[in-house]
Amino acid sequence: MSLDAHRARVRAAERNVEAQWTQTVAHGRRTVTLWRTGWTPGRIVIAGLVGGFLTGRAQPLRMAGSGGLLALLRSLSGLLAASGLDRGESKQAEPDATPAAADDVRPAVWPEPPRREPPPFVTTP
């Protein structure tokens, strides 16, 4: 196969990929639009009622007493507490940061005003 023929095949394959990508994006946008327009207030209420009925039929309180659900909640709470500690350690101040004075309390959003030197005294001869 010659180099020109190989380049032509590559260009054709690239055009095919671009066309497929464009089509995929268009289909995705159409799907999202149809999904959002399909959820009318009546359908949301019906879905809530059906979900509540099914949850009640599953009798989650009986499962909670058996120990399976409680053990799961205990392990998840330990996991969440550990991840909260990790986040707290990463938010500590750097060692070279100076603590703010107690009387200089300002919101973090406002910038610090520039410090200016007082103008020198003008003397007339």
PDB file of N, CA and C in Angstrom:
ATOM      1  N   MET A   1       0.850  -1.162   0.000  1.00  0.00           N
ATOM      2  CA  MET A   1       0.000   0.000   0.000  1.00  0.00           C
ATOM      3  C   MET A   1       0.903   1.235   0.000  1.00  0.00           C
ATOM      4  N   SER A   2       0.554   2.181  -0.823  1.00  0.00           N
ATOM      5  CA  SER A   2       1.371   3.386  -0.919  1.00  0.00           C
ATOM      6  C   SER A   2       1.036   4.338   0.229  1.00  0.00           C
ATOM      7  N   LEU A   3       1.913   5.288   0.439  1.00  0.00           N
ATOM      8  CA  LEU A   3       1.731   6.249   1.512  1.00  0.00           C
ATOM      9  C   LEU A   3       0.514   7.132   1.255  1.00  0.00           C
ATOM     10  N   ASP A   4       0.293   7.514   0.007  1.00  0.00           N
ATOM     11  CA  ASP A   4      -0.871   8.353  -0.310  1.00  0.00           C
ATOM     12  C   ASP A   4      -2.190   7.614  -0.054  1.00  0.00           C
ATOM     13  N   ALA A   5      -2.232   6.332  -0.373  1.00  0.00           N
ATOM     14  CA  ALA A   5      -3.442   5.550  -0.130  1.00  0.00           C
ATOM     15  C   ALA A   5      -3.700   5.411   1.375  1.00  0.00           C
ATOM     16  N   HIS A   6      -2.623   5.232   2.133  1.00  0.00           N
ATOM     17  CA  HIS A   6      -2.759   5.112   3.580  1.00  0.00           C
ATOM     18  C   HIS A   6      -3.253   6.434   4.182  1.00  0.00           C
ATOM     19  N   ARG A   7      -2.721   7.552   3.715  1.00  0.00           N
ATOM     20  CA  ARG A   7      -3.188   8.864   4.190  1.00  0.00           C
ATOM     21  C   ARG A   7      -4.663   9.084   3.865  1.00  0.00           C
ATOM     22  N   ALA A   8      -5.076   8.648   2.685  1.00  0.00           N
ATOM     23  CA  ALA A   8      -6.479   8.804   2.291  1.00  0.00           C
ATOM     24  C   ALA A   8      -7.387   7.984   3.200  1.00  0.00           C
ATOM     25  N   ARG A   9      -6.955   6.768   3.550  1.00  0.00           N
ATOM     26  CA  ARG A   9      -7.743   5.935   4.462  1.00  0.00           C
ATOM     27  C   ARG A   9      -7.834   6.568   5.847  1.00  0.00           C
ATOM     28  N   VAL A  10      -6.739   7.164   6.310  1.00  0.00           N
ATOM     29  CA  VAL A  10      -6.733   7.809   7.627  1.00  0.00           C
ATOM     30  C   VAL A  10      -7.670   9.015   7.620  1.00  0.00           C
ATOM     31  N   ARG A  11      -7.612   9.829   6.564  1.00  0.00           N
ATOM     32  CA  ARG A  11      -8.506  10.991   6.468  1.00  0.00           C
ATOM     33  C   ARG A  11      -9.974  10.551   6.456  1.00  0.00           C
ATOM     34  N   ALA A  12     -10.264   9.491   5.713  1.00  0.00           N
ATOM     35  CA  ALA A  12     -11.645   8.995   5.664  1.00  0.00           C
ATOM     36  C   ALA A  12     -12.087   8.500   7.035  1.00  0.00           C
ATOM     37  N   ALA A  13     -11.198   7.820   7.748  1.00  0.00           N
ATOM     38  CA  ALA A  13     -11.534   7.332   9.087  1.00  0.00           C
ATOM     39  C   ALA A  13     -11.749   8.503  10.049  1.00  0.00           C
ATOM     40  N   GLU A  14     -10.941   9.562   9.937  1.00  0.00           N
ATOM     41  CA  GLU A  14     -11.112  10.737  10.798  1.00  0.00           C
ATOM     42  C   GLU A  14     -12.440  11.428  10.517  1.00  0.00           C
ATOM     43  N   ARG A  15     -12.808  11.542   9.237  1.00  0.00           N
ATOM     44  CA  ARG A  15     -14.104  12.146   8.907  1.00  0.00           C
ATOM     45  C   ARG A  15     -15.250  11.314   9.451  1.00  0.00           C
ATOM     46  N   ASN A  16     -15.108  10.005   9.405  1.00  0.00           N
ATOM     47  CA  ASN A  16     -16.137   9.113   9.934  1.00  0.00           C
ATOM     48  C   ASN A  16     -16.283   9.287  11.450  1.00  0.00           C
ATOM     49  N   VAL A  17     -15.158   9.393  12.157  1.00  0.00           N
ATOM     50  CA  VAL A  17     -15.199   9.582  13.609  1.00  0.00           C
ATOM     51  C   VAL A  17     -15.855  10.918  13.940  1.00  0.00           C
ATOM     52  N   GLU A  18     -15.509  11.978  13.223  1.00  0.00           N
ATOM     53  CA  GLU A  18     -16.103  13.289  13.471  1.00  0.00           C
ATOM     54  C   GLU A  18     -17.609  13.270  13.218  1.00  0.00           C
ATOM     55  N   ALA A  19     -18.035  12.589  12.168  1.00  0.00           N
ATOM     56  CA  ALA A  19     -19.465  12.498  11.870  1.00  0.00           C
ATOM     57  C   ALA A  19     -20.198  11.719  12.959  1.00  0.00           C
ATOM     58  N   GLN A  20     -19.596  10.629  13.421  1.00  0.00           N
ATOM     59  CA  GLN A  20     -20.218   9.841  14.491  1.00  0.00           C
ATOM     60  C   GLN A  20     -20.294  10.644  15.786  1.00  0.00           C
ATOM     61  N   TRP A  21     -19.251  11.445  16.094  1.00  0.00           N
ATOM     62  CA  TRP A  21     -19.248  12.258  17.299  1.00  0.00           C
ATOM     63  C   TRP A  21     -20.346  13.314  17.231  1.00  0.00           C
ATOM     64  N   THR A  22     -20.484  13.967  16.086  1.00  0.00           N
ATOM     65  CA  THR A  22     -21.530  14.973  15.912  1.00  0.00           C
ATOM     66  C   THR A  22     -22.906  14.347  16.103  1.00  0.00           C
ATOM     67  N   GLN A  23     -23.104  13.179  15.544  1.00  0.00           N
ATOM     68  CA  GLN A  23     -24.385  12.485  15.668  1.00  0.00           C
ATOM     69  C   GLN A  23     -24.643  12.076  17.126  1.00  0.00           C
ATOM     70  N   THR A  24     -23.606  11.627  17.832  1.00  0.00           N
ATOM     71  CA  THR A  24     -23.757  11.225  19.224  1.00  0.00           C
ATOM     72  C   THR A  24     -24.140  12.419  20.097  1.00  0.00           C
ATOM     73  N   VAL A  25     -23.505  13.556  19.879  1.00  0.00           N
ATOM     74  CA  VAL A  25     -23.824  14.757  20.651  1.00  0.00           C
ATOM     75  C   VAL A  25     -25.267  15.188  20.379  1.00  0.00           C
ATOM     76  N   ALA A  26     -25.678  15.150  19.128  1.00  0.00           N
ATOM     77  CA  ALA A  26     -27.056  15.530  18.787  1.00  0.00           C
ATOM     78  C   ALA A  26     -28.063  14.602  19.447  1.00  0.00           C
ATOM     79  N   HIS A  27     -27.789  13.307  19.455  1.00  0.00           N
ATOM     80  CA  HIS A  27     -28.693  12.346  20.089  1.00  0.00           C
ATOM     81  C   HIS A  27     -28.733  12.551  21.598  1.00  0.00           C
ATOM     82  N   GLY A  28     -27.590  12.857  22.196  1.00  0.00           N
ATOM     83  CA  GLY A  28     -27.554  13.103  23.634  1.00  0.00           C
ATOM     84  C   GLY A  28     -28.376  14.322  24.019  1.00  0.00           C
ATOM     85  N   ARG A  29     -28.257  15.402  23.244  1.00  0.00           N
ATOM     86  CA  ARG A  29     -29.046  16.597  23.524  1.00  0.00           C
ATOM     87  C   ARG A  29     -30.535  16.313  23.371  1.00  0.00           C
ATOM     88  N   ARG A  30     -30.881  15.543  22.361  1.00  0.00           N
ATOM     89  CA  ARG A  30     -32.293  15.204  22.152  1.00  0.00           C
ATOM     90  C   ARG A  30     -32.826  14.365  23.303  1.00  0.00           C
ATOM     91  N   THR A  31     -32.025  13.421  23.781  1.00  0.00           N
ATOM     92  CA  THR A  31     -32.442  12.575  24.895  1.00  0.00           C
ATOM     93  C   THR A  31     -32.664  13.400  26.159  1.00  0.00           C
ATOM     94  N   VAL A  32     -31.750  14.329  26.450  1.00  0.00           N
ATOM     95  CA  VAL A  32     -31.897  15.168  27.643  1.00  0.00           C
ATOM     96  C   VAL A  32     -33.145  16.032  27.531  1.00  0.00           C
ATOM     97  N   THR A  33     -33.383  16.586  26.345  1.00  0.00           N
ATOM     98  CA  THR A  33     -34.572  17.423  26.153  1.00  0.00           C
ATOM     99  C   THR A  33     -35.840  16.613  26.346  1.00  0.00           C
ATOM    100  N   LEU A  34     -35.898  15.433  25.771  1.00  0.00           N
ATOM    101  CA  LEU A  34     -37.084  14.592  25.934  1.00  0.00           C
ATOM    102  C   LEU A  34     -37.282  14.154  27.384  1.00  0.00           C
ATOM    103  N   TRP A  35     -36.195  13.865  28.088  1.00  0.00           N
ATOM    104  CA  TRP A  35     -36.287  13.456  29.478  1.00  0.00           C
ATOM    105  C   TRP A  35     -36.858  14.585  30.331  1.00  0.00           C
ATOM    106  N   ARG A  36     -36.357  15.801  30.105  1.00  0.00           N
ATOM    107  CA  ARG A  36     -36.821  16.934  30.909  1.00  0.00           C
ATOM    108  C   ARG A  36     -38.269  17.299  30.598  1.00  0.00           C
ATOM    109  N   THR A  37     -38.663  17.228  29.348  1.00  0.00           N
ATOM    110  CA  THR A  37     -40.048  17.571  29.021  1.00  0.00           C
ATOM    111  C   THR A  37     -41.014  16.473  29.457  1.00  0.00           C
ATOM    112  N   GLY A  38     -40.520  15.258  29.625  1.00  0.00           N
ATOM    113  CA  GLY A  38     -41.389  14.154  30.022  1.00  0.00           C
ATOM    114  C   GLY A  38     -41.801  14.196  31.477  1.00  0.00           C
ATOM    115  N   TRP A  39     -41.038  14.878  32.325  1.00  0.00           N
ATOM    116  CA  TRP A  39     -41.362  14.922  33.748  1.00  0.00           C
ATOM    117  C   TRP A  39     -42.305  16.080  34.034  1.00  0.00           C
ATOM    118  N   THR A  40     -43.571  15.808  33.852  1.00  0.00           N
ATOM    119  CA  THR A  40     -44.608  16.792  34.151  1.00  0.00           C
ATOM    120  C   THR A  40     -44.942  16.701  35.644  1.00  0.00           C
ATOM    121  N   PRO A  41     -45.592  17.714  36.205  1.00  0.00           N
ATOM    122  CA  PRO A  41     -45.931  17.650  37.635  1.00  0.00           C
ATOM    123  C   PRO A  41     -46.780  16.430  38.007  1.00  0.00           C
ATOM    124  N   GLY A  42     -47.700  16.054  37.155  1.00  0.00           N
ATOM    125  CA  GLY A  42     -48.517  14.872  37.444  1.00  0.00           C
ATOM    126  C   GLY A  42     -47.693  13.606  37.519  1.00  0.00           C
ATOM    127  N   ARG A  43     -46.779  13.451  36.596  1.00  0.00           N
ATOM    128  CA  ARG A  43     -45.918  12.259  36.612  1.00  0.00           C
ATOM    129  C   ARG A  43     -45.011  12.243  37.833  1.00  0.00           C
ATOM    130  N   ILE A  44     -44.543  13.415  38.264  1.00  0.00           N
ATOM    131  CA  ILE A  44     -43.701  13.474  39.462  1.00  0.00           C
ATOM    132  C   ILE A  44     -44.491  13.041  40.686  1.00  0.00           C
ATOM    133  N   VAL A  45     -45.730  13.490  40.805  1.00  0.00           N
ATOM    134  CA  VAL A  45     -46.576  13.109  41.952  1.00  0.00           C
ATOM    135  C   VAL A  45     -46.848  11.611  41.923  1.00  0.00           C
ATOM    136  N   ILE A  46     -47.180  11.087  40.753  1.00  0.00           N
ATOM    137  CA  ILE A  46     -47.453   9.644  40.640  1.00  0.00           C
ATOM    138  C   ILE A  46     -46.215   8.833  40.995  1.00  0.00           C
ATOM    139  N   ALA A  47     -45.047   9.259  40.520  1.00  0.00           N
ATOM    140  CA  ALA A  47     -43.813   8.542  40.837  1.00  0.00           C
ATOM    141  C   ALA A  47     -43.541   8.580  42.341  1.00  0.00           C
ATOM    142  N   GLY A  48     -43.819   9.711  42.997  1.00  0.00           N
ATOM    143  CA  GLY A  48     -43.640   9.802  44.441  1.00  0.00           C
ATOM    144  C   GLY A  48     -44.574   8.885  45.195  1.00  0.00           C
ATOM    145  N   LEU A  49     -45.833   8.836  44.765  1.00  0.00           N
ATOM    146  CA  LEU A  49     -46.799   7.946  45.422  1.00  0.00           C
ATOM    147  C   LEU A  49     -46.424   6.482  45.256  1.00  0.00           C
ATOM    148  N   VAL A  50     -46.027   6.101  44.040  1.00  0.00           N
ATOM    149  CA  VAL A  50     -45.642   4.705  43.795  1.00  0.00           C
ATOM    150  C   VAL A  50     -44.387   4.357  44.582  1.00  0.00           C
ATOM    151  N   GLY A  51     -43.410   5.282  44.602  1.00  0.00           N
ATOM    152  CA  GLY A  51     -42.183   5.022  45.364  1.00  0.00           C
ATOM    153  C   GLY A  51     -42.453   4.899  46.848  1.00  0.00           C
ATOM    154  N   GLY A  52     -43.335   5.748  47.380  1.00  0.00           N
ATOM    155  CA  GLY A  52     -43.695   5.652  48.795  1.00  0.00           C
ATOM    156  C   GLY A  52     -44.418   4.362  49.120  1.00  0.00           C
ATOM    157  N   PHE A  53     -45.309   3.959  48.225  1.00  0.00           N
ATOM    158  CA  PHE A  53     -46.038   2.701  48.441  1.00  0.00           C
ATOM    159  C   PHE A  53     -45.076   1.520  48.450  1.00  0.00           C
ATOM    160  N   LEU A  54     -44.163   1.486  47.482  1.00  0.00           N
ATOM    161  CA  LEU A  54     -43.212   0.372  47.414  1.00  0.00           C
ATOM    162  C   LEU A  54     -42.275   0.361  48.614  1.00  0.00           C
ATOM    163  N   THR A  55     -41.879   1.533  49.078  1.00  0.00           N
ATOM    164  CA  THR A  55     -41.027   1.598  50.266  1.00  0.00           C
ATOM    165  C   THR A  55     -41.779   1.084  51.488  1.00  0.00           C
ATOM    166  N   GLY A  56     -43.043   1.445  51.601  1.00  0.00           N
ATOM    167  CA  GLY A  56     -43.846   0.942  52.720  1.00  0.00           C
ATOM    168  C   GLY A  56     -44.048  -0.553  52.665  1.00  0.00           C
ATOM    169  N   ARG A  57     -44.217  -1.090  51.459  1.00  0.00           N
ATOM    170  CA  ARG A  57     -44.403  -2.543  51.310  1.00  0.00           C
ATOM    171  C   ARG A  57     -43.127  -3.308  51.639  1.00  0.00           C
ATOM    172  N   ALA A  58     -41.977  -2.680  51.444  1.00  0.00           N
ATOM    173  CA  ALA A  58     -40.706  -3.355  51.717  1.00  0.00           C
ATOM    174  C   ALA A  58     -40.441  -3.491  53.210  1.00  0.00           C
ATOM    175  N   GLN A  59     -41.175  -2.759  54.032  1.00  0.00           N
ATOM    176  CA  GLN A  59     -41.054  -2.782  55.486  1.00  0.00           C
ATOM    177  C   GLN A  59     -39.600  -2.573  55.924  1.00  0.00           C
ATOM    178  N   PRO A  60     -39.080  -1.355  55.695  1.00  0.00           N
ATOM    179  CA  PRO A  60     -37.670  -1.113  56.023  1.00  0.00           C
ATOM    180  C   PRO A  60     -37.381  -1.160  57.508  1.00  0.00           C
ATOM    181  N   LEU A  61     -38.370  -0.928  58.377  1.00  0.00           N
ATOM    182  CA  LEU A  61     -38.111  -0.971  59.813  1.00  0.00           C
ATOM    183  C   LEU A  61     -37.841  -2.395  60.296  1.00  0.00           C
ATOM    184  N   ARG A  62     -38.470  -3.360  59.669  1.00  0.00           N
ATOM    185  CA  ARG A  62     -38.205  -4.747  60.047  1.00  0.00           C
ATOM    186  C   ARG A  62     -36.780  -5.136  59.654  1.00  0.00           C
ATOM    187  N   MET A  63     -36.337  -4.653  58.495  1.00  0.00           N
ATOM    188  CA  MET A  63     -34.960  -4.938  58.065  1.00  0.00           C
ATOM    189  C   MET A  63     -33.962  -4.226  58.973  1.00  0.00           C
ATOM    190  N   ALA A  64     -34.302  -3.039  59.463  1.00  0.00           N
ATOM    191  CA  ALA A  64     -33.393  -2.304  60.329  1.00  0.00           C
ATOM    192  C   ALA A  64     -33.181  -3.047  61.639  1.00  0.00           C
ATOM    193  N   GLY A  65     -34.202  -3.689  62.131  1.00  0.00           N
ATOM    194  CA  GLY A  65     -34.077  -4.432  63.378  1.00  0.00           C
ATOM    195  C   GLY A  65     -33.264  -5.701  63.243  1.00  0.00           C
ATOM    196  N   SER A  66     -33.146  -6.246  62.049  1.00  0.00           N
ATOM    197  CA  SER A  66     -32.416  -7.493  61.876  1.00  0.00           C
ATOM    198  C   SER A  66     -30.914  -7.303  61.973  1.00  0.00           C
ATOM    199  N   GLY A  67     -30.437  -6.076  61.900  1.00  0.00           N
ATOM    200  CA  GLY A  67     -29.008  -5.833  62.066  1.00  0.00           C
ATOM    201  C   GLY A  67     -28.279  -5.536  60.783  1.00  0.00           C
ATOM    202  N   GLY A  68     -28.806  -5.915  59.662  1.00  0.00           N
ATOM    203  CA  GLY A  68     -28.113  -5.679  58.399  1.00  0.00           C
ATOM    204  C   GLY A  68     -28.023  -4.208  58.043  1.00  0.00           C
ATOM    205  N   LEU A  69     -29.154  -3.518  58.161  1.00  0.00           N
ATOM    206  CA  LEU A  69     -29.178  -2.108  57.801  1.00  0.00           C
ATOM    207  C   LEU A  69     -28.433  -1.266  58.831  1.00  0.00           C
ATOM    208  N   LEU A  70     -28.581  -1.615  60.105  1.00  0.00           N
ATOM    209  CA  LEU A  70     -27.883  -0.859  61.141  1.00  0.00           C
ATOM    210  C   LEU A  70     -26.370  -1.029  61.024  1.00  0.00           C
ATOM    211  N   ALA A  71     -25.916  -2.226  60.727  1.00  0.00           N
ATOM    212  CA  ALA A  71     -24.485  -2.446  60.557  1.00  0.00           C
ATOM    213  C   ALA A  71     -23.953  -1.654  59.367  1.00  0.00           C
ATOM    214  N   LEU A  72     -24.744  -1.588  58.310  1.00  0.00           N
ATOM    215  CA  LEU A  72     -24.352  -0.813  57.146  1.00  0.00           C
ATOM    216  C   LEU A  72     -24.252   0.667  57.490  1.00  0.00           C
ATOM    217  N   LEU A  73     -25.235   1.181  58.228  1.00  0.00           N
ATOM    218  CA  LEU A  73     -25.214   2.591  58.618  1.00  0.00           C
ATOM    219  C   LEU A  73     -24.041   2.902  59.540  1.00  0.00           C
ATOM    220  N   ARG A  74     -23.716   1.980  60.448  1.00  0.00           N
ATOM    221  CA  ARG A  74     -22.567   2.189  61.329  1.00  0.00           C
ATOM    222  C   ARG A  74     -21.272   2.257  60.535  1.00  0.00           C
ATOM    223  N   SER A  75     -21.103   1.368  59.587  1.00  0.00           N
ATOM    224  CA  SER A  75     -19.865   1.381  58.801  1.00  0.00           C
ATOM    225  C   SER A  75     -19.793   2.617  57.919  1.00  0.00           C
ATOM    226  N   LEU A  76     -20.930   3.052  57.369  1.00  0.00           N
ATOM    227  CA  LEU A  76     -20.928   4.262  56.555  1.00  0.00           C
ATOM    228  C   LEU A  76     -20.627   5.496  57.385  1.00  0.00           C
ATOM    229  N   SER A  77     -21.140   5.548  58.619  1.00  0.00           N
ATOM    230  CA  SER A  77     -20.860   6.709  59.461  1.00  0.00           C
ATOM    231  C   SER A  77     -19.379   6.778  59.809  1.00  0.00           C
ATOM    232  N   GLY A  78     -18.755   5.649  60.061  1.00  0.00           N
ATOM    233  CA  GLY A  78     -17.312   5.633  60.305  1.00  0.00           C
ATOM    234  C   GLY A  78     -16.526   6.089  59.095  1.00  0.00           C
ATOM    235  N   LEU A  79     -16.979   5.677  57.923  1.00  0.00           N
ATOM    236  CA  LEU A  79     -16.309   6.087  56.691  1.00  0.00           C
ATOM    237  C   LEU A  79     -16.448   7.585  56.463  1.00  0.00           C
ATOM    238  N   LEU A  80     -17.650   8.108  56.691  1.00  0.00           N
ATOM    239  CA  LEU A  80     -17.867   9.542  56.517  1.00  0.00           C
ATOM    240  C   LEU A  80     -17.091  10.346  57.541  1.00  0.00           C
ATOM    241  N   ALA A  81     -16.996   9.864  58.767  1.00  0.00           N
ATOM    242  CA  ALA A  81     -16.233  10.574  59.789  1.00  0.00           C
ATOM    243  C   ALA A  81     -14.753  10.598  59.420  1.00  0.00           C
ATOM    244  N   ALA A  82     -14.242   9.495  58.905  1.00  0.00           N
ATOM    245  CA  ALA A  82     -12.834   9.453  58.511  1.00  0.00           C
ATOM    246  C   ALA A  82     -12.570  10.385  57.345  1.00  0.00           C
ATOM    247  N   SER A  83     -13.479  10.457  56.389  1.00  0.00           N
ATOM    248  CA  SER A  83     -13.261  11.361  55.259  1.00  0.00           C
ATOM    249  C   SER A  83     -13.381  12.807  55.704  1.00  0.00           C
ATOM    250  N   GLY A  84     -14.208  13.096  56.707  1.00  0.00           N
ATOM    251  CA  GLY A  84     -14.312  14.452  57.240  1.00  0.00           C
ATOM    252  C   GLY A  84     -13.026  14.866  57.931  1.00  0.00           C
ATOM    253  N   LEU A  85     -12.365  13.926  58.616  1.00  0.00           N
ATOM    254  CA  LEU A  85     -11.085  14.242  59.248  1.00  0.00           C
ATOM    255  C   LEU A  85     -10.026  14.524  58.215  1.00  0.00           C
ATOM    256  N   ASP A  86     -10.034  13.764  57.133  1.00  0.00           N
ATOM    257  CA  ASP A  86      -9.054  13.999  56.079  1.00  0.00           C
ATOM    258  C   ASP A  86      -9.224  15.382  55.486  1.00  0.00           C
ATOM    259  N   ARG A  87     -10.464  15.795  55.259  1.00  0.00           N
ATOM    260  CA  ARG A  87     -10.712  17.118  54.697  1.00  0.00           C
ATOM    261  C   ARG A  87     -10.298  18.207  55.674  1.00  0.00           C
ATOM    262  N   GLY A  88     -10.514  17.984  56.968  1.00  0.00           N
ATOM    263  CA  GLY A  88     -10.146  18.978  57.965  1.00  0.00           C
ATOM    264  C   GLY A  88      -8.644  19.170  58.052  1.00  0.00           C
ATOM    265  N   GLU A  89      -7.875  18.092  57.899  1.00  0.00           N
ATOM    266  CA  GLU A  89      -6.428  18.215  57.953  1.00  0.00           C
ATOM    267  C   GLU A  89      -5.889  18.963  56.750  1.00  0.00           C
ATOM    268  N   SER A  90      -6.534  18.838  55.602  1.00  0.00           N
ATOM    269  CA  SER A  90      -6.026  19.507  54.413  1.00  0.00           C
ATOM    270  C   SER A  90      -6.337  20.990  54.416  1.00  0.00           C
ATOM    271  N   LYS A  91      -7.270  21.442  55.271  1.00  0.00           N
ATOM    272  CA  LYS A  91      -7.638  22.843  55.304  1.00  0.00           C
ATOM    273  C   LYS A  91      -6.865  23.625  56.364  1.00  0.00           C
ATOM    274  N   GLN A  92      -5.876  23.014  57.009  1.00  0.00           N
ATOM    275  CA  GLN A  92      -5.133  23.717  58.030  1.00  0.00           C
ATOM    276  C   GLN A  92      -4.293  24.812  57.391  1.00  0.00           C
ATOM    277  N   ALA A  93      -4.020  25.847  58.172  1.00  0.00           N
ATOM    278  CA  ALA A  93      -3.230  26.958  57.662  1.00  0.00           C
ATOM    279  C   ALA A  93      -1.781  26.535  57.489  1.00  0.00           C
ATOM    280  N   GLU A  94      -1.113  27.181  56.547  1.00  0.00           N
ATOM    281  CA  GLU A  94       0.299  26.900  56.338  1.00  0.00           C
ATOM    282  C   GLU A  94       1.077  27.412  57.537  1.00  0.00           C
ATOM    283  N   PRO A  95       2.231  26.829  57.827  1.00  0.00           N
ATOM    284  CA  PRO A  95       2.983  27.264  59.001  1.00  0.00           C
ATOM    285  C   PRO A  95       3.504  28.699  58.880  1.00  0.00           C
ATOM    286  N   ASP A  96       3.721  29.197  57.665  1.00  0.00           N
ATOM    287  CA  ASP A  96       4.256  30.541  57.526  1.00  0.00           C
ATOM    288  C   ASP A  96       3.160  31.609  57.536  1.00  0.00           C
ATOM    289  N   ALA A  97       1.887  31.204  57.640  1.00  0.00           N
ATOM    290  CA  ALA A  97       0.796  32.179  57.663  1.00  0.00           C
ATOM    291  C   ALA A  97       0.734  32.842  59.033  1.00  0.00           C
ATOM    292  N   THR A  98       0.542  34.154  59.045  1.00  0.00           N
ATOM    293  CA  THR A  98       0.455  34.875  60.311  1.00  0.00           C
ATOM    294  C   THR A  98      -0.995  34.921  60.754  1.00  0.00           C
ATOM    295  N   PRO A  99      -1.261  34.726  62.033  1.00  0.00           N
ATOM    296  CA  PRO A  99      -2.652  34.778  62.495  1.00  0.00           C
ATOM    297  C   PRO A  99      -3.176  36.201  62.444  1.00  0.00           C
ATOM    298  N   ALA A 100      -4.476  36.335  62.195  1.00  0.00           N
ATOM    299  CA  ALA A 100      -5.106  37.647  62.135  1.00  0.00           C
ATOM    300  C   ALA A 100      -5.301  38.177  63.537  1.00  0.00           C
ATOM    301  N   ALA A 101      -5.194  39.503  63.689  1.00  0.00           N
ATOM    302  CA  ALA A 101      -5.419  40.128  64.986  1.00  0.00           C
ATOM    303  C   ALA A 101      -6.897  40.058  65.323  1.00  0.00           C
ATOM    304  N   ALA A 102      -7.217  40.030  66.605  1.00  0.00           N
ATOM    305  CA  ALA A 102      -8.608  39.885  67.028  1.00  0.00           C
ATOM    306  C   ALA A 102      -9.429  41.113  66.682  1.00  0.00           C
ATOM    307  N   ASP A 103      -8.806  42.307  66.691  1.00  0.00           N
ATOM    308  CA  ASP A 103      -9.570  43.516  66.392  1.00  0.00           C
ATOM    309  C   ASP A 103      -9.665  43.785  64.894  1.00  0.00           C
ATOM    310  N   ASP A 104      -8.940  43.057  64.090  1.00  0.00           N
ATOM    311  CA  ASP A 104      -8.956  43.246  62.634  1.00  0.00           C
ATOM    312  C   ASP A 104      -9.761  42.123  61.991  1.00  0.00           C
ATOM    313  N   VAL A 105     -11.055  42.122  62.209  1.00  0.00           N
ATOM    314  CA  VAL A 105     -11.925  41.081  61.682  1.00  0.00           C
ATOM    315  C   VAL A 105     -12.625  41.634  60.458  1.00  0.00           C
ATOM    316  N   ARG A 106     -12.341  41.057  59.298  1.00  0.00           N
ATOM    317  CA  ARG A 106     -12.957  41.475  58.040  1.00  0.00           C
ATOM    318  C   ARG A 106     -13.393  40.235  57.284  1.00  0.00           C
ATOM    319  N   PRO A 107     -14.429  40.362  56.467  1.00  0.00           N
ATOM    320  CA  PRO A 107     -14.819  39.212  55.641  1.00  0.00           C
ATOM    321  C   PRO A 107     -13.706  38.872  54.657  1.00  0.00           C
ATOM    322  N   ALA A 108     -13.587  37.604  54.341  1.00  0.00           N
ATOM    323  CA  ALA A 108     -12.528  37.161  53.445  1.00  0.00           C
ATOM    324  C   ALA A 108     -12.750  37.632  52.017  1.00  0.00           C
ATOM    325  N   VAL A 109     -13.955  38.067  51.688  1.00  0.00           N
ATOM    326  CA  VAL A 109     -14.265  38.458  50.320  1.00  0.00           C
ATOM    327  C   VAL A 109     -13.697  39.837  49.995  1.00  0.00           C
ATOM    328  N   TRP A 110     -13.643  40.735  50.974  1.00  0.00           N
ATOM    329  CA  TRP A 110     -13.190  42.090  50.726  1.00  0.00           C
ATOM    330  C   TRP A 110     -11.682  42.127  50.640  1.00  0.00           C
ATOM    331  N   PRO A 111     -11.139  42.838  49.659  1.00  0.00           N
ATOM    332  CA  PRO A 111      -9.678  42.920  49.577  1.00  0.00           C
ATOM    333  C   PRO A 111      -9.132  43.870  50.637  1.00  0.00           C
ATOM    334  N   GLU A 112      -7.910  43.647  50.992  1.00  0.00           N
ATOM    335  CA  GLU A 112      -7.236  44.504  51.968  1.00  0.00           C
ATOM    336  C   GLU A 112      -6.976  45.855  51.321  1.00  0.00           C
ATOM    337  N   PRO A 113      -7.295  46.972  52.005  1.00  0.00           N
ATOM    338  CA  PRO A 113      -7.042  48.276  51.397  1.00  0.00           C
ATOM    339  C   PRO A 113      -5.544  48.517  51.281  1.00  0.00           C
ATOM    340  N   PRO A 114      -5.113  49.221  50.234  1.00  0.00           N
ATOM    341  CA  PRO A 114      -3.675  49.460  50.081  1.00  0.00           C
ATOM    342  C   PRO A 114      -3.171  50.403  51.168  1.00  0.00           C
ATOM    343  N   ARG A 115      -1.978  50.143  51.625  1.00  0.00           N
ATOM    344  CA  ARG A 115      -1.371  50.993  52.645  1.00  0.00           C
ATOM    345  C   ARG A 115      -0.598  52.096  51.942  1.00  0.00           C
ATOM    346  N   ARG A 116      -0.862  53.320  52.358  1.00  0.00           N
ATOM    347  CA  ARG A 116      -0.217  54.464  51.720  1.00  0.00           C
ATOM    348  C   ARG A 116       0.615  55.217  52.753  1.00  0.00           C
ATOM    349  N   GLU A 117       1.711  55.737  52.280  1.00  0.00           N
ATOM    350  CA  GLU A 117       2.567  56.572  53.124  1.00  0.00           C
ATOM    351  C   GLU A 117       1.924  57.942  53.240  1.00  0.00           C
ATOM    352  N   PRO A 118       2.016  58.563  54.389  1.00  0.00           N
ATOM    353  CA  PRO A 118       1.484  59.932  54.490  1.00  0.00           C
ATOM    354  C   PRO A 118       2.311  60.881  53.623  1.00  0.00           C
ATOM    355  N   PRO A 119       1.664  61.870  53.044  1.00  0.00           N
ATOM    356  CA  PRO A 119       2.433  62.792  52.188  1.00  0.00           C
ATOM    357  C   PRO A 119       3.451  63.574  53.009  1.00  0.00           C
ATOM    358  N   PRO A 120       4.588  63.852  52.404  1.00  0.00           N
ATOM    359  CA  PRO A 120       5.598  64.631  53.158  1.00  0.00           C
ATOM    360  C   PRO A 120       5.096  66.054  53.356  1.00  0.00           C
ATOM    361  N   PHE A 121       5.577  66.677  54.431  1.00  0.00           N
ATOM    362  CA  PHE A 121       5.185  68.059  54.690  1.00  0.00           C
ATOM    363  C   PHE A 121       5.806  68.976  53.655  1.00  0.00           C
ATOM    364  N   VAL A 122       5.000  69.883  53.161  1.00  0.00           N
ATOM    365  CA  VAL A 122       5.490  70.830  52.178  1.00  0.00           C
ATOM    366  C   VAL A 122       5.858  72.106  52.936  1.00  0.00           C
ATOM    367  N   THR A 123       7.063  72.495  52.792  1.00  0.00           N
ATOM    368  CA  THR A 123       7.499  73.736  53.444  1.00  0.00           C
ATOM    369  C   THR A 123       7.784  74.769  52.373  1.00  0.00           C
ATOM    370  N   THR A 124       7.423  75.990  52.633  1.00  0.00           N
ATOM    371  CA  THR A 124       7.707  77.069  51.672  1.00  0.00           C
ATOM    372  C   THR A 124       8.909  77.857  52.172  1.00  0.00           C
ATOM    373  N   PRO A 125       9.804  78.214  51.297  1.00  0.00           N
ATOM    374  CA  PRO A 125      10.984  78.964  51.748  1.00  0.00           C
ATOM    375  C   PRO A 125      10.686  80.403  52.087  1.00  0.00           C
TER     376      PRO A 125
END
